[in-house]
N, C-alpha and C. Protein backbone atom coordinates (compact mmCIF):
# COMPACT_ATOMS: atom_id res chain seq x y z
N MET A 1 0.82 -1.08 0.10
CA MET A 1 -0.02 -0.31 0.12
C MET A 1 0.88 1.31 -0.21
N SER A 2 0.44 2.44 -1.12
CA SER A 2 1.56 3.68 -0.98
C SER A 2 0.74 4.71 0.10
N SER A 3 1.89 5.04 0.59
CA SER A 3 1.49 6.37 1.59
C SER A 3 1.68 7.54 0.64
N LYS A 4 1.68 7.75 -0.53
CA LYS A 4 1.40 8.86 -0.96
C LYS A 4 0.28 9.51 -0.99
N ALA A 5 0.45 10.65 -0.86
CA ALA A 5 -0.89 11.38 -0.65
C ALA A 5 -1.62 11.54 -1.91
N LYS A 6 -2.72 11.65 -1.80
CA LYS A 6 -3.76 11.91 -3.37
C LYS A 6 -3.64 13.34 -3.85
N PRO A 7 -3.43 13.86 -5.00
CA PRO A 7 -3.02 14.86 -5.35
C PRO A 7 -4.41 15.55 -5.47
N MET A 8 -3.94 16.87 -5.07
CA MET A 8 -5.11 17.97 -5.02
C MET A 8 -5.17 19.02 -6.31
N PRO A 9 -5.89 19.25 -7.01
CA PRO A 9 -6.27 20.32 -8.27
C PRO A 9 -5.72 21.56 -7.58
N ASN A 10 -4.90 21.87 -8.74
CA ASN A 10 -4.52 23.50 -8.56
C ASN A 10 -5.54 24.49 -8.66
N SER A 11 -5.19 25.62 -8.12
CA SER A 11 -5.98 26.55 -8.66
C SER A 11 -5.62 27.66 -9.78
N ARG A 12 -6.15 28.38 -10.34
CA ARG A 12 -6.08 29.10 -11.40
C ARG A 12 -5.05 30.08 -11.06
N VAL A 13 -4.71 30.75 -9.96
CA VAL A 13 -3.40 31.40 -9.47
C VAL A 13 -2.23 31.03 -9.73
N ASN A 14 -2.08 29.50 -10.04
CA ASN A 14 -0.62 29.14 -9.69
C ASN A 14 -0.30 28.86 -11.10
N TYR A 15 -0.83 29.86 -12.02
CA TYR A 15 -0.40 29.35 -13.59
C TYR A 15 -0.07 30.92 -13.94
N VAL A 16 0.73 31.09 -15.07
CA VAL A 16 1.00 32.63 -15.36
C VAL A 16 0.45 33.04 -16.85
N PHE A 17 0.19 31.90 -17.59
CA PHE A 17 -0.54 32.50 -18.76
C PHE A 17 -1.62 31.63 -19.20
N PHE A 18 -2.69 32.16 -19.84
CA PHE A 18 -3.70 31.11 -20.21
C PHE A 18 -4.21 31.22 -21.86
N SER A 19 -4.36 30.10 -22.08
CA SER A 19 -4.93 29.85 -23.50
C SER A 19 -6.59 29.39 -23.48
N ASP A 20 -7.42 30.15 -24.31
CA ASP A 20 -8.82 29.35 -24.55
C ASP A 20 -8.88 28.35 -25.60
N VAL A 21 -9.77 27.19 -25.15
CA VAL A 21 -9.91 26.31 -26.12
C VAL A 21 -11.56 26.23 -25.88
N GLN A 22 -12.23 25.54 -27.23
CA GLN A 22 -13.38 25.45 -27.42
C GLN A 22 -13.38 23.93 -27.40
N THR A 23 -14.05 22.93 -26.45
CA THR A 23 -14.21 21.56 -27.06
C THR A 23 -14.77 21.32 -28.25
N ARG A 24 -14.35 20.43 -28.91
CA ARG A 24 -15.08 19.95 -30.42
C ARG A 24 -15.98 18.39 -30.03
N TRP A 25 -17.11 18.40 -31.05
CA TRP A 25 -17.47 17.15 -30.72
C TRP A 25 -16.91 16.10 -31.03
N GLU A 26 -15.47 15.98 -31.68
CA GLU A 26 -14.98 14.81 -31.80
C GLU A 26 -14.08 14.35 -30.62
N ASP A 27 -13.82 15.30 -29.51
CA ASP A 27 -13.07 15.35 -28.29
C ASP A 27 -13.97 14.30 -27.43
N ASN A 28 -15.28 14.06 -27.48
CA ASN A 28 -16.21 13.24 -26.48
C ASN A 28 -15.52 11.86 -26.94
N ASP A 29 -15.60 11.21 -26.24
CA ASP A 29 -15.78 9.39 -26.19
C ASP A 29 -16.99 8.73 -26.46
N ILE A 30 -16.72 7.62 -26.31
CA ILE A 30 -18.06 6.95 -26.07
C ILE A 30 -18.86 7.17 -24.55
N TYR A 31 -17.91 7.28 -23.81
CA TYR A 31 -18.73 7.64 -22.43
C TYR A 31 -19.19 8.93 -21.95
N GLY A 32 -19.23 9.81 -23.24
CA GLY A 32 -19.94 11.28 -23.24
C GLY A 32 -18.89 12.03 -22.50
N HIS A 33 -17.46 11.79 -22.56
CA HIS A 33 -16.80 13.07 -21.61
C HIS A 33 -15.72 12.92 -22.64
N ILE A 34 -14.75 14.15 -22.73
CA ILE A 34 -13.40 14.34 -23.26
C ILE A 34 -12.45 13.14 -22.88
N ASN A 35 -12.33 12.54 -24.02
CA ASN A 35 -11.24 11.61 -24.07
C ASN A 35 -9.77 11.74 -23.48
N ASN A 36 -9.08 10.89 -22.83
CA ASN A 36 -8.04 11.38 -22.08
C ASN A 36 -6.90 11.84 -22.75
N ALA A 37 -6.59 11.12 -23.80
CA ALA A 37 -5.70 11.85 -24.83
C ALA A 37 -5.84 13.06 -25.20
N VAL A 38 -6.95 13.67 -25.54
CA VAL A 38 -7.24 14.67 -25.82
C VAL A 38 -6.64 15.99 -25.46
N TYR A 39 -6.63 15.63 -23.51
CA TYR A 39 -6.05 16.51 -22.90
C TYR A 39 -4.69 16.89 -23.46
N TYR A 40 -3.80 15.97 -23.67
CA TYR A 40 -2.42 16.40 -24.03
C TYR A 40 -2.31 17.36 -25.03
N SER A 41 -3.37 16.91 -25.97
CA SER A 41 -3.32 17.95 -27.18
C SER A 41 -3.78 19.35 -27.06
N TYR A 42 -4.65 19.69 -25.98
CA TYR A 42 -4.65 20.73 -25.31
C TYR A 42 -3.63 21.55 -24.97
N PHE A 43 -2.64 20.43 -24.31
CA PHE A 43 -1.54 20.88 -23.37
C PHE A 43 -0.68 21.37 -24.49
N ASP A 44 -0.39 20.71 -25.80
CA ASP A 44 0.74 20.82 -26.22
C ASP A 44 -0.02 22.38 -27.45
N SER A 45 -0.97 22.18 -27.77
CA SER A 45 -1.44 23.41 -28.08
C SER A 45 -1.27 24.49 -27.74
N ALA A 46 -1.52 24.91 -26.49
CA ALA A 46 -1.38 26.13 -25.34
C ALA A 46 0.33 26.52 -25.39
N VAL A 47 0.82 25.29 -25.27
CA VAL A 47 2.58 25.78 -25.19
C VAL A 47 2.77 26.31 -26.90
N ASN A 48 2.51 25.98 -27.82
CA ASN A 48 2.93 25.98 -29.13
C ASN A 48 2.37 27.60 -29.30
N ALA A 49 1.35 27.63 -28.94
CA ALA A 49 0.45 28.88 -29.15
C ALA A 49 1.07 29.84 -28.46
N TYR A 50 1.49 29.94 -27.16
CA TYR A 50 2.30 30.78 -26.55
C TYR A 50 3.99 31.02 -27.09
N LEU A 51 4.52 29.91 -27.43
CA LEU A 51 5.95 30.31 -27.98
C LEU A 51 5.84 30.83 -29.25
N ILE A 52 4.38 30.47 -30.21
CA ILE A 52 4.51 30.97 -31.47
C ILE A 52 4.30 32.77 -31.33
N GLU A 53 3.22 32.82 -30.45
CA GLU A 53 2.83 34.47 -30.10
C GLU A 53 4.03 35.04 -29.66
N ARG A 54 5.23 34.73 -29.01
CA ARG A 54 5.88 35.29 -28.57
C ARG A 54 7.42 35.32 -29.11
N ASP A 55 6.95 35.09 -30.34
CA ASP A 55 8.09 34.58 -31.53
C ASP A 55 9.25 34.01 -30.81
N ALA A 56 9.09 32.83 -30.47
CA ALA A 56 10.07 32.11 -29.63
C ALA A 56 10.57 30.70 -30.16
N LEU A 57 9.36 30.14 -31.19
CA LEU A 57 9.61 29.12 -32.06
C LEU A 57 9.20 29.39 -33.45
N ASN A 58 9.80 29.00 -34.57
CA ASN A 58 9.43 28.94 -35.49
C ASN A 58 9.49 27.26 -36.10
N ILE A 59 8.13 26.61 -36.06
CA ILE A 59 7.76 25.41 -36.19
C ILE A 59 8.13 24.86 -37.61
N HIS A 60 8.39 25.79 -38.21
CA HIS A 60 8.41 25.11 -40.00
C HIS A 60 9.88 25.26 -40.10
N GLU A 61 10.77 26.37 -40.12
CA GLU A 61 12.11 26.80 -40.27
C GLU A 61 13.06 26.88 -39.23
N GLY A 62 12.50 26.77 -38.18
CA GLY A 62 13.67 27.23 -36.93
C GLY A 62 14.68 26.12 -36.62
N ASP A 63 15.79 26.56 -36.17
CA ASP A 63 17.12 25.45 -35.96
C ASP A 63 16.90 24.85 -34.94
N GLU A 64 16.00 25.32 -34.05
CA GLU A 64 15.63 24.31 -32.60
C GLU A 64 14.45 23.63 -32.89
N ILE A 65 13.88 22.53 -32.44
CA ILE A 65 12.73 22.04 -31.89
C ILE A 65 12.81 21.33 -30.62
N GLY A 66 11.81 21.28 -30.01
CA GLY A 66 11.33 20.73 -28.89
C GLY A 66 10.82 19.47 -28.88
N LEU A 67 11.61 18.34 -28.36
CA LEU A 67 10.85 16.91 -28.48
C LEU A 67 10.59 16.44 -26.94
N VAL A 68 9.13 15.72 -26.84
CA VAL A 68 8.85 15.40 -25.82
C VAL A 68 9.59 14.32 -24.83
N VAL A 69 9.97 14.49 -24.19
CA VAL A 69 10.94 13.11 -23.51
C VAL A 69 10.28 12.67 -22.13
N GLU A 70 9.11 13.17 -21.55
CA GLU A 70 8.20 12.79 -20.53
C GLU A 70 6.84 13.50 -20.11
N SER A 71 5.82 13.04 -20.21
CA SER A 71 4.49 13.55 -19.71
C SER A 71 3.80 12.94 -19.02
N GLY A 72 2.85 13.54 -18.30
CA GLY A 72 1.84 12.69 -17.28
C GLY A 72 0.66 14.01 -17.14
N CYS A 73 -0.31 13.13 -16.50
CA CYS A 73 -1.40 13.74 -16.15
C CYS A 73 -2.30 13.05 -15.14
N GLN A 74 -2.94 14.33 -14.33
CA GLN A 74 -4.05 13.75 -13.07
C GLN A 74 -5.51 14.35 -13.82
N TYR A 75 -6.19 13.36 -13.43
CA TYR A 75 -7.80 13.79 -13.86
C TYR A 75 -8.77 13.85 -12.40
N PHE A 76 -9.16 14.81 -12.51
CA PHE A 76 -9.96 14.90 -10.98
C PHE A 76 -11.62 15.16 -11.59
N SER A 77 -11.76 15.81 -12.32
CA SER A 77 -13.31 15.93 -12.91
C SER A 77 -13.35 15.81 -14.49
N GLU A 78 -14.62 15.54 -15.04
CA GLU A 78 -14.63 15.40 -16.62
C GLU A 78 -15.19 16.68 -17.17
N LEU A 79 -14.47 16.87 -18.45
CA LEU A 79 -15.13 17.88 -19.26
C LEU A 79 -15.90 17.24 -20.55
N ALA A 80 -16.54 17.76 -20.99
CA ALA A 80 -17.31 17.55 -22.11
C ALA A 80 -17.73 18.49 -23.10
N TYR A 81 -18.11 17.99 -24.42
CA TYR A 81 -18.43 18.82 -25.76
C TYR A 81 -20.01 19.10 -25.43
N PRO A 82 -20.43 20.53 -25.28
CA PRO A 82 -19.85 21.36 -25.56
C PRO A 82 -19.19 22.25 -24.68
N GLN A 83 -18.05 22.59 -24.24
CA GLN A 83 -17.53 23.50 -23.12
C GLN A 83 -16.36 24.45 -23.54
N LYS A 84 -16.25 25.50 -22.78
CA LYS A 84 -14.97 26.39 -23.12
C LYS A 84 -14.18 26.12 -21.82
N ILE A 85 -12.94 25.91 -22.23
CA ILE A 85 -11.89 25.82 -20.76
C ILE A 85 -10.79 26.55 -21.13
N ASP A 86 -10.07 27.01 -20.40
CA ASP A 86 -8.83 27.72 -20.44
C ASP A 86 -8.11 26.62 -19.63
N VAL A 87 -7.15 26.89 -20.69
CA VAL A 87 -5.44 26.01 -20.52
C VAL A 87 -4.71 26.73 -19.43
N GLY A 88 -4.42 26.73 -18.24
CA GLY A 88 -3.32 27.29 -17.81
C GLY A 88 -1.79 26.76 -17.83
N LEU A 89 -0.88 27.56 -18.03
CA LEU A 89 0.59 27.51 -18.41
C LEU A 89 1.56 28.17 -17.38
N ARG A 90 2.38 27.24 -16.95
CA ARG A 90 3.53 27.77 -16.21
C ARG A 90 4.82 26.77 -16.34
N VAL A 91 6.01 27.48 -16.20
CA VAL A 91 7.31 26.49 -16.30
C VAL A 91 7.51 26.20 -14.89
N GLY A 92 7.51 24.52 -14.69
CA GLY A 92 8.17 24.20 -13.20
C GLY A 92 9.56 24.19 -13.41
N TYR A 93 10.66 23.94 -14.36
CA TYR A 93 12.11 23.71 -14.65
C TYR A 93 12.40 24.46 -15.40
N LEU A 94 13.30 24.91 -15.75
CA LEU A 94 14.08 25.29 -16.82
C LEU A 94 15.56 25.17 -16.59
N GLY A 95 16.02 24.09 -17.44
CA GLY A 95 17.60 24.15 -17.37
C GLY A 95 18.32 24.70 -18.70
N ASN A 96 19.35 24.08 -19.02
CA ASN A 96 20.42 24.39 -20.26
C ASN A 96 19.47 23.97 -21.47
N SER A 97 19.01 22.96 -21.83
CA SER A 97 18.42 22.35 -22.76
C SER A 97 16.97 21.63 -22.79
N SER A 98 16.24 21.99 -21.56
CA SER A 98 15.29 21.12 -21.07
C SER A 98 14.31 22.09 -20.54
N VAL A 99 12.89 21.73 -20.71
CA VAL A 99 11.80 22.67 -19.89
C VAL A 99 10.85 21.57 -19.21
N ARG A 100 10.27 22.04 -18.44
CA ARG A 100 9.33 21.28 -17.87
C ARG A 100 7.83 22.26 -17.88
N TYR A 101 7.10 21.88 -18.53
CA TYR A 101 5.82 22.68 -18.81
C TYR A 101 4.68 22.11 -18.03
N GLU A 102 4.43 23.06 -17.13
CA GLU A 102 3.17 22.64 -16.09
C GLU A 102 1.72 23.04 -16.43
N LEU A 103 0.93 22.24 -16.75
CA LEU A 103 -0.36 22.95 -17.30
C LEU A 103 -1.74 22.37 -16.34
N ALA A 104 -2.90 23.07 -16.14
CA ALA A 104 -4.04 22.78 -15.96
C ALA A 104 -5.20 23.07 -17.04
N LEU A 105 -6.51 22.27 -17.03
CA LEU A 105 -7.38 22.94 -17.58
C LEU A 105 -8.41 23.36 -16.49
N PHE A 106 -8.98 24.31 -16.80
CA PHE A 106 -10.39 24.80 -16.14
C PHE A 106 -11.49 25.23 -16.78
N PRO A 107 -12.28 25.02 -16.48
CA PRO A 107 -13.80 25.11 -17.13
C PRO A 107 -13.89 26.59 -16.88
N LEU A 108 -14.44 27.33 -18.16
CA LEU A 108 -14.60 28.77 -18.10
C LEU A 108 -15.23 29.30 -16.86
N GLY A 109 -14.53 30.00 -16.48
CA GLY A 109 -15.44 30.48 -14.55
C GLY A 109 -15.11 29.89 -13.67
N SER A 110 -14.27 28.71 -13.69
CA SER A 110 -14.01 27.86 -12.54
C SER A 110 -12.58 27.94 -12.16
N ASP A 111 -12.22 28.11 -10.69
CA ASP A 111 -10.87 28.37 -10.40
C ASP A 111 -10.09 27.15 -9.91
N VAL A 112 -10.82 26.05 -9.94
CA VAL A 112 -10.33 24.65 -9.99
C VAL A 112 -10.10 23.86 -10.62
N ALA A 113 -9.01 23.32 -11.04
CA ALA A 113 -8.48 22.54 -12.28
C ALA A 113 -9.47 21.03 -12.43
N THR A 114 -9.70 20.78 -13.69
CA THR A 114 -10.42 19.45 -13.65
C THR A 114 -9.15 18.56 -14.16
N ALA A 115 -8.00 18.94 -14.60
CA ALA A 115 -6.96 18.19 -14.70
C ALA A 115 -5.70 18.89 -14.39
N GLN A 116 -4.71 18.29 -14.56
CA GLN A 116 -3.47 19.29 -14.20
C GLN A 116 -2.34 18.07 -14.74
N GLY A 117 -1.40 18.31 -15.72
CA GLY A 117 -0.23 17.52 -16.12
C GLY A 117 0.89 18.41 -16.35
N PHE A 118 1.76 17.57 -17.30
CA PHE A 118 3.10 18.28 -17.38
C PHE A 118 3.63 17.59 -18.67
N PHE A 119 4.75 18.27 -19.18
CA PHE A 119 5.55 17.53 -20.07
C PHE A 119 6.95 18.24 -20.53
N THR A 120 8.07 17.35 -20.39
CA THR A 120 9.46 18.04 -20.63
C THR A 120 9.94 18.35 -21.94
N HIS A 121 10.14 19.05 -22.97
CA HIS A 121 10.80 19.18 -23.74
C HIS A 121 12.26 19.42 -23.75
N VAL A 122 13.04 18.54 -24.45
CA VAL A 122 14.33 18.55 -24.63
C VAL A 122 14.43 19.41 -25.92
N TYR A 123 15.29 20.55 -26.08
CA TYR A 123 15.30 21.37 -27.05
C TYR A 123 16.71 20.44 -27.88
N VAL A 124 16.77 20.37 -29.37
CA VAL A 124 17.34 19.78 -30.12
C VAL A 124 17.85 20.95 -31.25
N ASP A 125 18.80 20.80 -31.90
CA ASP A 125 19.11 21.25 -33.39
C ASP A 125 18.10 20.38 -34.19
N ARG A 126 17.41 20.90 -35.15
CA ARG A 126 16.57 20.38 -36.13
C ARG A 126 16.90 19.05 -36.74
N LYS A 127 18.13 19.13 -37.13
CA LYS A 127 18.70 18.47 -38.20
C LYS A 127 19.46 17.32 -37.62
N GLY A 128 20.43 17.45 -36.86
CA GLY A 128 21.09 16.48 -35.74
C GLY A 128 20.47 15.92 -34.81
N ARG A 129 19.47 16.73 -34.27
CA ARG A 129 18.72 16.00 -32.99
C ARG A 129 19.63 15.83 -31.87
N ARG A 130 20.79 16.91 -31.44
CA ARG A 130 21.25 16.91 -30.64
C ARG A 130 20.98 17.83 -29.42
N PRO A 131 21.19 17.85 -28.23
CA PRO A 131 20.63 18.78 -27.29
C PRO A 131 21.09 19.87 -27.62
N GLN A 132 20.25 21.17 -27.41
CA GLN A 132 20.94 22.56 -27.66
C GLN A 132 20.50 23.60 -26.87
N LYS A 133 20.99 24.53 -26.26
CA LYS A 133 21.16 25.25 -25.54
C LYS A 133 20.08 26.37 -25.62
N ILE A 134 19.13 26.56 -24.72
CA ILE A 134 18.12 27.32 -24.79
C ILE A 134 18.40 28.63 -24.73
N SER A 135 18.23 29.49 -25.58
CA SER A 135 18.69 30.78 -25.34
C SER A 135 17.52 31.94 -26.29
N GLY A 136 18.21 33.04 -26.34
CA GLY A 136 17.46 34.16 -26.93
C GLY A 136 16.26 34.16 -26.49
N ASN A 137 15.11 34.35 -27.45
CA ASN A 137 13.79 34.69 -27.44
C ASN A 137 12.98 33.34 -27.00
N LEU A 138 13.53 32.22 -27.03
CA LEU A 138 13.00 31.43 -26.43
C LEU A 138 13.20 31.10 -24.95
N ARG A 139 14.45 31.38 -24.30
CA ARG A 139 14.82 31.09 -23.04
C ARG A 139 14.03 32.65 -22.14
N ARG A 140 13.88 33.72 -23.09
CA ARG A 140 12.91 34.42 -22.49
C ARG A 140 11.80 34.65 -22.14
N ALA A 141 11.13 33.90 -23.28
CA ALA A 141 9.58 33.70 -23.09
C ALA A 141 9.29 32.57 -22.27
N LEU A 142 10.57 31.23 -22.11
CA LEU A 142 10.32 30.69 -20.74
C LEU A 142 10.45 30.90 -19.55
N THR A 143 11.48 31.73 -19.29
CA THR A 143 11.52 32.42 -17.87
C THR A 143 10.09 33.39 -17.52
N ASP A 144 9.67 33.91 -18.57
CA ASP A 144 8.08 34.62 -18.28
C ASP A 144 7.12 33.44 -17.77
N LEU A 145 7.59 32.62 -18.12
CA LEU A 145 6.35 31.72 -17.49
C LEU A 145 6.99 30.87 -16.38
N LEU A 146 7.76 31.24 -15.35
CA LEU A 146 8.30 30.46 -14.14
C LEU A 146 7.34 31.52 -13.16
N PRO A 147 6.96 30.55 -12.19
CA PRO A 147 5.87 31.41 -11.20
C PRO A 147 6.93 32.64 -10.52
N VAL A 148 6.21 33.70 -9.74
CA VAL A 148 7.07 34.71 -9.66
C VAL A 148 7.83 34.31 -8.49
N THR A 149 7.66 33.67 -7.48
CA THR A 149 8.54 33.16 -6.44
C THR A 149 9.70 32.46 -7.13
N THR A 150 9.50 31.66 -8.19
CA THR A 150 10.94 30.66 -8.59
C THR A 150 11.78 31.86 -9.30
N GLN A 151 11.05 33.27 -9.91
CA GLN A 151 12.10 33.85 -10.63
C GLN A 151 12.77 34.57 -9.78
N GLN A 152 12.19 34.97 -8.47
CA GLN A 152 13.15 35.99 -7.50
C GLN A 152 14.08 34.99 -6.87
N LYS A 153 13.47 33.50 -6.67
CA LYS A 153 14.73 32.79 -5.86
C LYS A 153 15.59 32.63 -6.83
N SER A 154 15.67 32.81 -8.25
CA SER A 154 16.78 32.50 -9.49
C SER A 154 17.36 33.79 -9.11
N LEU A 155 16.92 34.78 -9.36
CA LEU A 155 17.83 36.09 -9.18
C LEU A 155 18.91 35.97 -7.63
N LYS A 156 18.10 35.48 -6.90
CA LYS A 156 18.93 35.55 -5.52
C LYS A 156 20.40 34.57 -5.51
N LEU A 157 20.27 33.74 -6.63
CA LEU A 157 21.32 32.62 -6.69
C LEU A 157 22.79 33.20 -6.93
């Protein structure tokens, strides 16, 4: 038996950036709620929308690309079509070539996450697929996603 505490849903205030999503008819599964795999699509879309908006990632021609090396999600309550949701985004860890994105889904008007997850990108050069140092606009955009307390802690080191 595990002594690990049951995870609790995060609050909206724990996230730095939000992207809105309209669920689609095709997102529902046979059980009448959003299929668990679709949550990852919402997460991925929110991250890429943010990076493209910040001119931090050129998905078609950029020298660097992010490869997912780890992901996970915890589900607390159901979402279903038709429903508008906000995807909350923050950075939980920013290293030399990797970043851990932490995300949560919030039904419009709710402060409590229905699901929260993460995925880790390792940034590599597009052609050779070797890890590449995160720099320039990408580093600035990712740094802006660090929670304020993490940014302040980083400045003190």
